[in-house]
Amino acid sequence: SNAAVADTTAPSAVITSPANGSRLSGKTVSISVRATDNVGVAKIDLYIDGRLFGTSATASATFNWNTSKAAAGAHTLQAMATDAAGNTGASAVVTVYK
């Protein structure tokens, strides 16, 4: 039979910048995310402190975070990649300091 094989492989996501443990400098921080999947990445969601910050429809994305209103101290960054079949994969959590 020529039944389509279901895509059950979750994509992977990694925050490539800023580095875990880094101290933020300047008002605008560029957060770079890369995602890979065996078929294709449909979107990347970026979460800052557990809240959805932005979404990109590309497998490689840069989000600009204006930190002027962010509280001093630690903040968590995490990316979630989703493929066309709806599988999701989360990046490791990156903690940065303002």
PDB file of N, CA and C in Angstrom:
ATOM      1  N   SER A   1       0.842  -1.195   0.000  1.00  0.00           N
ATOM      2  CA  SER A   1       0.000   0.000   0.000  1.00  0.00           C
ATOM      3  C   SER A   1       0.875   1.242   0.000  1.00  0.00           C
ATOM      4  N   ASN A   2       0.350   2.297  -0.561  1.00  0.00           N
ATOM      5  CA  ASN A   2       1.092   3.551  -0.654  1.00  0.00           C
ATOM      6  C   ASN A   2       0.626   4.557   0.384  1.00  0.00           C
ATOM      7  N   ALA A   3       0.229   4.066   1.537  1.00  0.00           N
ATOM      8  CA  ALA A   3      -0.247   4.968   2.594  1.00  0.00           C
ATOM      9  C   ALA A   3       0.865   5.918   3.006  1.00  0.00           C
ATOM     10  N   ALA A   4       0.500   7.166   3.190  1.00  0.00           N
ATOM     11  CA  ALA A   4       1.485   8.170   3.621  1.00  0.00           C
ATOM     12  C   ALA A   4       1.951   7.834   5.029  1.00  0.00           C
ATOM     13  N   VAL A   5       3.229   7.977   5.223  1.00  0.00           N
ATOM     14  CA  VAL A   5       3.787   7.739   6.555  1.00  0.00           C
ATOM     15  C   VAL A   5       3.564   8.992   7.389  1.00  0.00           C
ATOM     16  N   ALA A   6       2.996   8.836   8.568  1.00  0.00           N
ATOM     17  CA  ALA A   6       2.735   9.982   9.433  1.00  0.00           C
ATOM     18  C   ALA A   6       4.056  10.568   9.931  1.00  0.00           C
ATOM     19  N   ASP A   7       4.110  11.888   9.976  1.00  0.00           N
ATOM     20  CA  ASP A   7       5.283  12.580  10.510  1.00  0.00           C
ATOM     21  C   ASP A   7       5.106  12.683  12.016  1.00  0.00           C
ATOM     22  N   THR A   8       5.853  11.873  12.751  1.00  0.00           N
ATOM     23  CA  THR A   8       5.748  11.893  14.210  1.00  0.00           C
ATOM     24  C   THR A   8       7.023  12.421  14.859  1.00  0.00           C
ATOM     25  N   THR A   9       7.948  12.911  14.037  1.00  0.00           N
ATOM     26  CA  THR A   9       9.210  13.409  14.563  1.00  0.00           C
ATOM     27  C   THR A   9       9.084  14.884  14.908  1.00  0.00           C
ATOM     28  N   ALA A  10       9.337  15.198  16.173  1.00  0.00           N
ATOM     29  CA  ALA A  10       9.224  16.584  16.623  1.00  0.00           C
ATOM     30  C   ALA A  10      10.410  17.400  16.111  1.00  0.00           C
ATOM     31  N   PRO A  11      10.175  18.673  15.802  1.00  0.00           N
ATOM     32  CA  PRO A  11      11.290  19.533  15.425  1.00  0.00           C
ATOM     33  C   PRO A  11      12.128  19.887  16.655  1.00  0.00           C
ATOM     34  N   SER A  12      13.315  20.400  16.410  1.00  0.00           N
ATOM     35  CA  SER A  12      14.131  20.863  17.529  1.00  0.00           C
ATOM     36  C   SER A  12      14.383  22.345  17.359  1.00  0.00           C
ATOM     37  N   ALA A  13      14.537  23.034  18.476  1.00  0.00           N
ATOM     38  CA  ALA A  13      14.781  24.471  18.453  1.00  0.00           C
ATOM     39  C   ALA A  13      15.939  24.776  19.383  1.00  0.00           C
ATOM     40  N   VAL A  14      16.717  25.781  19.001  1.00  0.00           N
ATOM     41  CA  VAL A  14      17.821  26.213  19.848  1.00  0.00           C
ATOM     42  C   VAL A  14      17.912  27.729  19.773  1.00  0.00           C
ATOM     43  N   ILE A  15      18.110  28.352  20.934  1.00  0.00           N
ATOM     44  CA  ILE A  15      18.364  29.793  20.974  1.00  0.00           C
ATOM     45  C   ILE A  15      19.874  29.957  20.834  1.00  0.00           C
ATOM     46  N   THR A  16      20.304  30.546  19.721  1.00  0.00           N
ATOM     47  CA  THR A  16      21.736  30.659  19.448  1.00  0.00           C
ATOM     48  C   THR A  16      22.335  31.927  20.046  1.00  0.00           C
ATOM     49  N   SER A  17      21.499  32.899  20.367  1.00  0.00           N
ATOM     50  CA  SER A  17      21.964  34.150  20.969  1.00  0.00           C
ATOM     51  C   SER A  17      20.777  34.819  21.636  1.00  0.00           C
ATOM     52  N   PRO A  18      20.921  35.404  22.815  1.00  0.00           N
ATOM     53  CA  PRO A  18      22.135  35.518  23.630  1.00  0.00           C
ATOM     54  C   PRO A  18      22.478  34.216  24.337  1.00  0.00           C
ATOM     55  N   ALA A  19      23.677  34.146  24.857  1.00  0.00           N
ATOM     56  CA  ALA A  19      24.136  32.947  25.554  1.00  0.00           C
ATOM     57  C   ALA A  19      23.491  32.843  26.931  1.00  0.00           C
ATOM     58  N   ASN A  20      23.308  31.601  27.391  1.00  0.00           N
ATOM     59  CA  ASN A  20      22.763  31.369  28.726  1.00  0.00           C
ATOM     60  C   ASN A  20      23.676  32.030  29.762  1.00  0.00           C
ATOM     61  N   GLY A  21      23.063  32.741  30.702  1.00  0.00           N
ATOM     62  CA  GLY A  21      23.827  33.364  31.767  1.00  0.00           C
ATOM     63  C   GLY A  21      24.380  34.728  31.428  1.00  0.00           C
ATOM     64  N   SER A  22      24.109  35.220  30.209  1.00  0.00           N
ATOM     65  CA  SER A  22      24.698  36.495  29.827  1.00  0.00           C
ATOM     66  C   SER A  22      23.942  37.669  30.429  1.00  0.00           C
ATOM     67  N   ARG A  23      24.672  38.778  30.584  1.00  0.00           N
ATOM     68  CA  ARG A  23      24.084  40.024  31.067  1.00  0.00           C
ATOM     69  C   ARG A  23      23.741  40.871  29.851  1.00  0.00           C
ATOM     70  N   LEU A  24      22.498  41.366  29.811  1.00  0.00           N
ATOM     71  CA  LEU A  24      22.032  42.134  28.667  1.00  0.00           C
ATOM     72  C   LEU A  24      22.596  43.548  28.725  1.00  0.00           C
ATOM     73  N   SER A  25      23.008  44.044  27.570  1.00  0.00           N
ATOM     74  CA  SER A  25      23.471  45.428  27.504  1.00  0.00           C
ATOM     75  C   SER A  25      22.729  46.125  26.383  1.00  0.00           C
ATOM     76  N   GLY A  26      22.456  47.396  26.568  1.00  0.00           N
ATOM     77  CA  GLY A  26      21.700  48.134  25.560  1.00  0.00           C
ATOM     78  C   GLY A  26      20.210  47.941  25.751  1.00  0.00           C
ATOM     79  N   LYS A  27      19.427  48.750  25.049  1.00  0.00           N
ATOM     80  CA  LYS A  27      17.979  48.720  25.214  1.00  0.00           C
ATOM     81  C   LYS A  27      17.339  47.609  24.402  1.00  0.00           C
ATOM     82  N   THR A  28      17.887  47.318  23.216  1.00  0.00           N
ATOM     83  CA  THR A  28      17.300  46.305  22.347  1.00  0.00           C
ATOM     84  C   THR A  28      18.208  45.083  22.281  1.00  0.00           C
ATOM     85  N   VAL A  29      17.637  43.928  22.590  1.00  0.00           N
ATOM     86  CA  VAL A  29      18.379  42.676  22.564  1.00  0.00           C
ATOM     87  C   VAL A  29      17.872  41.836  21.393  1.00  0.00           C
ATOM     88  N   SER A  30      18.788  41.377  20.547  1.00  0.00           N
ATOM     89  CA  SER A  30      18.419  40.483  19.451  1.00  0.00           C
ATOM     90  C   SER A  30      18.479  39.043  19.941  1.00  0.00           C
ATOM     91  N   ILE A  31      17.372  38.335  19.817  1.00  0.00           N
ATOM     92  CA  ILE A  31      17.291  36.933  20.221  1.00  0.00           C
ATOM     93  C   ILE A  31      17.224  36.104  18.946  1.00  0.00           C
ATOM     94  N   SER A  32      18.243  35.284  18.724  1.00  0.00           N
ATOM     95  CA  SER A  32      18.305  34.470  17.502  1.00  0.00           C
ATOM     96  C   SER A  32      17.906  33.037  17.804  1.00  0.00           C
ATOM     97  N   VAL A  33      17.022  32.496  16.984  1.00  0.00           N
ATOM     98  CA  VAL A  33      16.502  31.146  17.171  1.00  0.00           C
ATOM     99  C   VAL A  33      16.644  30.378  15.871  1.00  0.00           C
ATOM    100  N   ARG A  34      17.038  29.107  15.982  1.00  0.00           N
ATOM    101  CA  ARG A  34      17.126  28.233  14.806  1.00  0.00           C
ATOM    102  C   ARG A  34      16.358  26.950  15.109  1.00  0.00           C
ATOM    103  N   ALA A  35      15.602  26.482  14.128  1.00  0.00           N
ATOM    104  CA  ALA A  35      14.839  25.248  14.304  1.00  0.00           C
ATOM    105  C   ALA A  35      15.102  24.317  13.130  1.00  0.00           C
ATOM    106  N   THR A  36      15.072  23.012  13.396  1.00  0.00           N
ATOM    107  CA  THR A  36      15.239  22.017  12.349  1.00  0.00           C
ATOM    108  C   THR A  36      14.173  20.938  12.511  1.00  0.00           C
ATOM    109  N   ASP A  37      13.806  20.331  11.394  1.00  0.00           N
ATOM    110  CA  ASP A  37      12.811  19.257  11.417  1.00  0.00           C
ATOM    111  C   ASP A  37      13.093  18.325  10.245  1.00  0.00           C
ATOM    112  N   ASN A  38      12.665  17.069  10.370  1.00  0.00           N
ATOM    113  CA  ASN A  38      12.903  16.099   9.304  1.00  0.00           C
ATOM    114  C   ASN A  38      12.108  16.414   8.044  1.00  0.00           C
ATOM    115  N   VAL A  39      10.995  17.122   8.173  1.00  0.00           N
ATOM    116  CA  VAL A  39      10.191  17.493   7.011  1.00  0.00           C
ATOM    117  C   VAL A  39      10.271  19.002   6.769  1.00  0.00           C
ATOM    118  N   GLY A  40       9.935  19.777   7.763  1.00  0.00           N
ATOM    119  CA  GLY A  40       9.977  21.228   7.624  1.00  0.00           C
ATOM    120  C   GLY A  40       9.383  21.915   8.834  1.00  0.00           C
ATOM    121  N   VAL A  41       9.946  23.055   9.175  1.00  0.00           N
ATOM    122  CA  VAL A  41       9.458  23.839  10.310  1.00  0.00           C
ATOM    123  C   VAL A  41       8.340  24.752   9.828  1.00  0.00           C
ATOM    124  N   ALA A  42       7.196  24.729  10.525  1.00  0.00           N
ATOM    125  CA  ALA A  42       6.068  25.588  10.158  1.00  0.00           C
ATOM    126  C   ALA A  42       6.166  26.942  10.854  1.00  0.00           C
ATOM    127  N   LYS A  43       6.584  26.931  12.126  1.00  0.00           N
ATOM    128  CA  LYS A  43       6.702  28.196  12.848  1.00  0.00           C
ATOM    129  C   LYS A  43       7.587  28.028  14.071  1.00  0.00           C
ATOM    130  N   ILE A  44       8.076  29.165  14.544  1.00  0.00           N
ATOM    131  CA  ILE A  44       8.819  29.241  15.797  1.00  0.00           C
ATOM    132  C   ILE A  44       8.115  30.258  16.677  1.00  0.00           C
ATOM    133  N   ASP A  45       7.830  29.872  17.906  1.00  0.00           N
ATOM    134  CA  ASP A  45       7.291  30.803  18.895  1.00  0.00           C
ATOM    135  C   ASP A  45       8.388  31.087  19.910  1.00  0.00           C
ATOM    136  N   LEU A  46       8.539  32.357  20.268  1.00  0.00           N
ATOM    137  CA  LEU A  46       9.504  32.736  21.297  1.00  0.00           C
ATOM    138  C   LEU A  46       8.752  33.165  22.543  1.00  0.00           C
ATOM    139  N   TYR A  47       9.143  32.582  23.679  1.00  0.00           N
ATOM    140  CA  TYR A  47       8.548  32.931  24.963  1.00  0.00           C
ATOM    141  C   TYR A  47       9.585  33.637  25.827  1.00  0.00           C
ATOM    142  N   ILE A  48       9.196  34.761  26.401  1.00  0.00           N
ATOM    143  CA  ILE A  48      10.031  35.468  27.367  1.00  0.00           C
ATOM    144  C   ILE A  48       9.298  35.434  28.697  1.00  0.00           C
ATOM    145  N   ASP A  49       9.970  34.902  29.705  1.00  0.00           N
ATOM    146  CA  ASP A  49       9.364  34.747  31.037  1.00  0.00           C
ATOM    147  C   ASP A  49       8.032  34.006  30.961  1.00  0.00           C
ATOM    148  N   GLY A  50       7.955  32.996  30.067  1.00  0.00           N
ATOM    149  CA  GLY A  50       6.769  32.161  29.974  1.00  0.00           C
ATOM    150  C   GLY A  50       5.625  32.733  29.160  1.00  0.00           C
ATOM    151  N   ARG A  51       5.785  33.961  28.654  1.00  0.00           N
ATOM    152  CA  ARG A  51       4.723  34.580  27.857  1.00  0.00           C
ATOM    153  C   ARG A  51       5.147  34.636  26.397  1.00  0.00           C
ATOM    154  N   LEU A  52       4.195  34.365  25.501  1.00  0.00           N
ATOM    155  CA  LEU A  52       4.485  34.405  24.072  1.00  0.00           C
ATOM    156  C   LEU A  52       4.910  35.813  23.689  1.00  0.00           C
ATOM    157  N   PHE A  53       6.105  35.921  23.099  1.00  0.00           N
ATOM    158  CA  PHE A  53       6.637  37.222  22.701  1.00  0.00           C
ATOM    159  C   PHE A  53       6.478  37.457  21.202  1.00  0.00           C
ATOM    160  N   GLY A  54       6.715  36.421  20.413  1.00  0.00           N
ATOM    161  CA  GLY A  54       6.625  36.589  18.966  1.00  0.00           C
ATOM    162  C   GLY A  54       6.616  35.264  18.256  1.00  0.00           C
ATOM    163  N   THR A  55       6.190  35.294  16.988  1.00  0.00           N
ATOM    164  CA  THR A  55       6.105  34.088  16.166  1.00  0.00           C
ATOM    165  C   THR A  55       6.738  34.377  14.809  1.00  0.00           C
ATOM    166  N   SER A  56       7.473  33.410  14.304  1.00  0.00           N
ATOM    167  CA  SER A  56       8.056  33.520  12.970  1.00  0.00           C
ATOM    168  C   SER A  56       7.663  32.296  12.157  1.00  0.00           C
ATOM    169  N   ALA A  57       7.412  32.501  10.863  1.00  0.00           N
ATOM    170  CA  ALA A  57       7.059  31.391   9.979  1.00  0.00           C
ATOM    171  C   ALA A  57       8.292  30.810   9.294  1.00  0.00           C
ATOM    172  N   THR A  58       9.478  31.196   9.749  1.00  0.00           N
ATOM    173  CA  THR A  58      10.712  30.696   9.153  1.00  0.00           C
ATOM    174  C   THR A  58      11.471  29.836  10.159  1.00  0.00           C
ATOM    175  N   ALA A  59      12.371  29.009   9.644  1.00  0.00           N
ATOM    176  CA  ALA A  59      13.117  28.088  10.506  1.00  0.00           C
ATOM    177  C   ALA A  59      14.284  28.770  11.209  1.00  0.00           C
ATOM    178  N   SER A  60      14.584  29.985  10.797  1.00  0.00           N
ATOM    179  CA  SER A  60      15.649  30.754  11.424  1.00  0.00           C
ATOM    180  C   SER A  60      15.103  32.156  11.631  1.00  0.00           C
ATOM    181  N   ALA A  61      15.112  32.635  12.869  1.00  0.00           N
ATOM    182  CA  ALA A  61      14.453  33.905  13.149  1.00  0.00           C
ATOM    183  C   ALA A  61      15.240  34.724  14.157  1.00  0.00           C
ATOM    184  N   THR A  62      15.098  36.042  14.035  1.00  0.00           N
ATOM    185  CA  THR A  62      15.661  36.943  15.030  1.00  0.00           C
ATOM    186  C   THR A  62      14.536  37.825  15.549  1.00  0.00           C
ATOM    187  N   PHE A  63      14.395  37.854  16.866  1.00  0.00           N
ATOM    188  CA  PHE A  63      13.386  38.674  17.515  1.00  0.00           C
ATOM    189  C   PHE A  63      14.096  39.802  18.252  1.00  0.00           C
ATOM    190  N   ASN A  64      13.595  41.023  18.115  1.00  0.00           N
ATOM    191  CA  ASN A  64      14.184  42.159  18.818  1.00  0.00           C
ATOM    192  C   ASN A  64      13.353  42.480  20.056  1.00  0.00           C
ATOM    193  N   TRP A  65      13.984  42.397  21.218  1.00  0.00           N
ATOM    194  CA  TRP A  65      13.310  42.595  22.492  1.00  0.00           C
ATOM    195  C   TRP A  65      13.762  43.925  23.080  1.00  0.00           C
ATOM    196  N   ASN A  66      12.813  44.848  23.213  1.00  0.00           N
ATOM    197  CA  ASN A  66      13.101  46.119  23.863  1.00  0.00           C
ATOM    198  C   ASN A  66      13.009  45.883  25.365  1.00  0.00           C
ATOM    199  N   THR A  67      14.149  45.941  26.049  1.00  0.00           N
ATOM    200  CA  THR A  67      14.200  45.573  27.473  1.00  0.00           C
ATOM    201  C   THR A  67      13.994  46.763  28.402  1.00  0.00           C
ATOM    202  N   SER A  68      13.643  47.940  27.841  1.00  0.00           N
ATOM    203  CA  SER A  68      13.543  49.129  28.695  1.00  0.00           C
ATOM    204  C   SER A  68      12.484  48.981  29.789  1.00  0.00           C
ATOM    205  N   LYS A  69      11.428  48.201  29.516  1.00  0.00           N
ATOM    206  CA  LYS A  69      10.376  48.008  30.523  1.00  0.00           C
ATOM    207  C   LYS A  69      10.562  46.713  31.320  1.00  0.00           C
ATOM    208  N   ALA A  70      11.583  45.951  30.988  1.00  0.00           N
ATOM    209  CA  ALA A  70      11.827  44.689  31.698  1.00  0.00           C
ATOM    210  C   ALA A  70      12.440  44.992  33.062  1.00  0.00           C
ATOM    211  N   ALA A  71      12.016  44.233  34.053  1.00  0.00           N
ATOM    212  CA  ALA A  71      12.539  44.422  35.402  1.00  0.00           C
ATOM    213  C   ALA A  71      14.002  43.997  35.472  1.00  0.00           C
ATOM    214  N   ALA A  72      14.734  44.582  36.382  1.00  0.00           N
ATOM    215  CA  ALA A  72      16.115  44.152  36.610  1.00  0.00           C
ATOM    216  C   ALA A  72      16.093  42.725  37.159  1.00  0.00           C
ATOM    217  N   GLY A  73      17.135  41.958  36.846  1.00  0.00           N
ATOM    218  CA  GLY A  73      17.212  40.583  37.344  1.00  0.00           C
ATOM    219  C   GLY A  73      17.166  39.571  36.222  1.00  0.00           C
ATOM    220  N   ALA A  74      16.779  38.350  36.579  1.00  0.00           N
ATOM    221  CA  ALA A  74      16.810  37.229  35.642  1.00  0.00           C
ATOM    222  C   ALA A  74      15.545  37.173  34.787  1.00  0.00           C
ATOM    223  N   HIS A  75      15.727  36.792  33.523  1.00  0.00           N
ATOM    224  CA  HIS A  75      14.608  36.577  32.596  1.00  0.00           C
ATOM    225  C   HIS A  75      14.875  35.297  31.822  1.00  0.00           C
ATOM    226  N   THR A  76      13.797  34.531  31.544  1.00  0.00           N
ATOM    227  CA  THR A  76      13.957  33.273  30.816  1.00  0.00           C
ATOM    228  C   THR A  76      13.485  33.422  29.379  1.00  0.00           C
ATOM    229  N   LEU A  77      14.235  32.795  28.477  1.00  0.00           N
ATOM    230  CA  LEU A  77      13.901  32.755  27.058  1.00  0.00           C
ATOM    231  C   LEU A  77      13.745  31.297  26.658  1.00  0.00           C
ATOM    232  N   GLN A  78      12.701  31.002  25.898  1.00  0.00           N
ATOM    233  CA  GLN A  78      12.527  29.642  25.386  1.00  0.00           C
ATOM    234  C   GLN A  78      11.825  29.707  24.047  1.00  0.00           C
ATOM    235  N   ALA A  79      12.286  28.875  23.114  1.00  0.00           N
ATOM    236  CA  ALA A  79      11.673  28.804  21.792  1.00  0.00           C
ATOM    237  C   ALA A  79      10.939  27.479  21.648  1.00  0.00           C
ATOM    238  N   MET A  80       9.833  27.514  20.905  1.00  0.00           N
ATOM    239  CA  MET A  80       9.050  26.321  20.609  1.00  0.00           C
ATOM    240  C   MET A  80       8.876  26.238  19.094  1.00  0.00           C
ATOM    241  N   ALA A  81       9.369  25.154  18.518  1.00  0.00           N
ATOM    242  CA  ALA A  81       9.219  24.946  17.077  1.00  0.00           C
ATOM    243  C   ALA A  81       8.041  24.013  16.812  1.00  0.00           C
ATOM    244  N   THR A  82       7.301  24.301  15.743  1.00  0.00           N
ATOM    245  CA  THR A  82       6.167  23.471  15.343  1.00  0.00           C
ATOM    246  C   THR A  82       6.336  23.105  13.875  1.00  0.00           C
ATOM    247  N   ASP A  83       6.113  21.822  13.544  1.00  0.00           N
ATOM    248  CA  ASP A  83       6.187  21.424  12.136  1.00  0.00           C
ATOM    249  C   ASP A  83       4.776  21.352  11.541  1.00  0.00           C
ATOM    250  N   ALA A  84       4.715  21.067  10.249  1.00  0.00           N
ATOM    251  CA  ALA A  84       3.422  21.074   9.546  1.00  0.00           C
ATOM    252  C   ALA A  84       2.451  20.038  10.091  1.00  0.00           C
ATOM    253  N   ALA A  85       2.972  18.964  10.698  1.00  0.00           N
ATOM    254  CA  ALA A  85       2.104  17.922  11.253  1.00  0.00           C
ATOM    255  C   ALA A  85       1.638  18.268  12.668  1.00  0.00           C
ATOM    256  N   GLY A  86       2.107  19.389  13.200  1.00  0.00           N
ATOM    257  CA  GLY A  86       1.680  19.805  14.537  1.00  0.00           C
ATOM    258  C   GLY A  86       2.575  19.313  15.660  1.00  0.00           C
ATOM    259  N   ASN A  87       3.676  18.612  15.327  1.00  0.00           N
ATOM    260  CA  ASN A  87       4.611  18.192  16.367  1.00  0.00           C
ATOM    261  C   ASN A  87       5.362  19.422  16.874  1.00  0.00           C
ATOM    262  N   THR A  88       5.639  19.443  18.182  1.00  0.00           N
ATOM    263  CA  THR A  88       6.345  20.585  18.742  1.00  0.00           C
ATOM    264  C   THR A  88       7.598  20.131  19.471  1.00  0.00           C
ATOM    265  N   GLY A  89       8.580  21.007  19.469  1.00  0.00           N
ATOM    266  CA  GLY A  89       9.822  20.747  20.185  1.00  0.00           C
ATOM    267  C   GLY A  89      10.290  22.029  20.834  1.00  0.00           C
ATOM    268  N   ALA A  90      10.651  21.951  22.101  1.00  0.00           N
ATOM    269  CA  ALA A  90      11.067  23.138  22.846  1.00  0.00           C
ATOM    270  C   ALA A  90      12.583  23.202  22.942  1.00  0.00           C
ATOM    271  N   SER A  91      13.085  24.417  22.933  1.00  0.00           N
ATOM    272  CA  SER A  91      14.516  24.611  23.148  1.00  0.00           C
ATOM    273  C   SER A  91      14.809  24.515  24.642  1.00  0.00           C
ATOM    274  N   ALA A  92      16.083  24.425  24.968  1.00  0.00           N
ATOM    275  CA  ALA A  92      16.475  24.587  26.358  1.00  0.00           C
ATOM    276  C   ALA A  92      16.144  26.018  26.782  1.00  0.00           C
ATOM    277  N   VAL A  93      15.902  26.196  28.061  1.00  0.00           N
ATOM    278  CA  VAL A  93      15.629  27.531  28.589  1.00  0.00           C
ATOM    279  C   VAL A  93      16.955  28.277  28.719  1.00  0.00           C
ATOM    280  N   VAL A  94      16.975  29.515  28.221  1.00  0.00           N
ATOM    281  CA  VAL A  94      18.143  30.382  28.355  1.00  0.00           C
ATOM    282  C   VAL A  94      17.787  31.450  29.385  1.00  0.00           C
ATOM    283  N   THR A  95      18.622  31.609  30.394  1.00  0.00           N
ATOM    284  CA  THR A  95      18.400  32.646  31.402  1.00  0.00           C
ATOM    285  C   THR A  95      19.382  33.786  31.168  1.00  0.00           C
ATOM    286  N   VAL A  96      18.855  34.993  31.082  1.00  0.00           N
ATOM    287  CA  VAL A  96      19.670  36.185  30.889  1.00  0.00           C
ATOM    288  C   VAL A  96      19.385  37.167  32.018  1.00  0.00           C
ATOM    289  N   TYR A  97      20.294  38.094  32.209  1.00  0.00           N
ATOM    290  CA  TYR A  97      20.188  39.026  33.338  1.00  0.00           C
ATOM    291  C   TYR A  97      20.215  40.461  32.856  1.00  0.00           C
ATOM    292  N   LYS A  98      19.325  41.269  33.414  1.00  0.00           N
ATOM    293  CA  LYS A  98      19.297  42.678  33.081  1.00  0.00           C
ATOM    294  C   LYS A  98      19.807  43.476  34.265  1.00  0.00           C
TER     295      LYS A  98
END
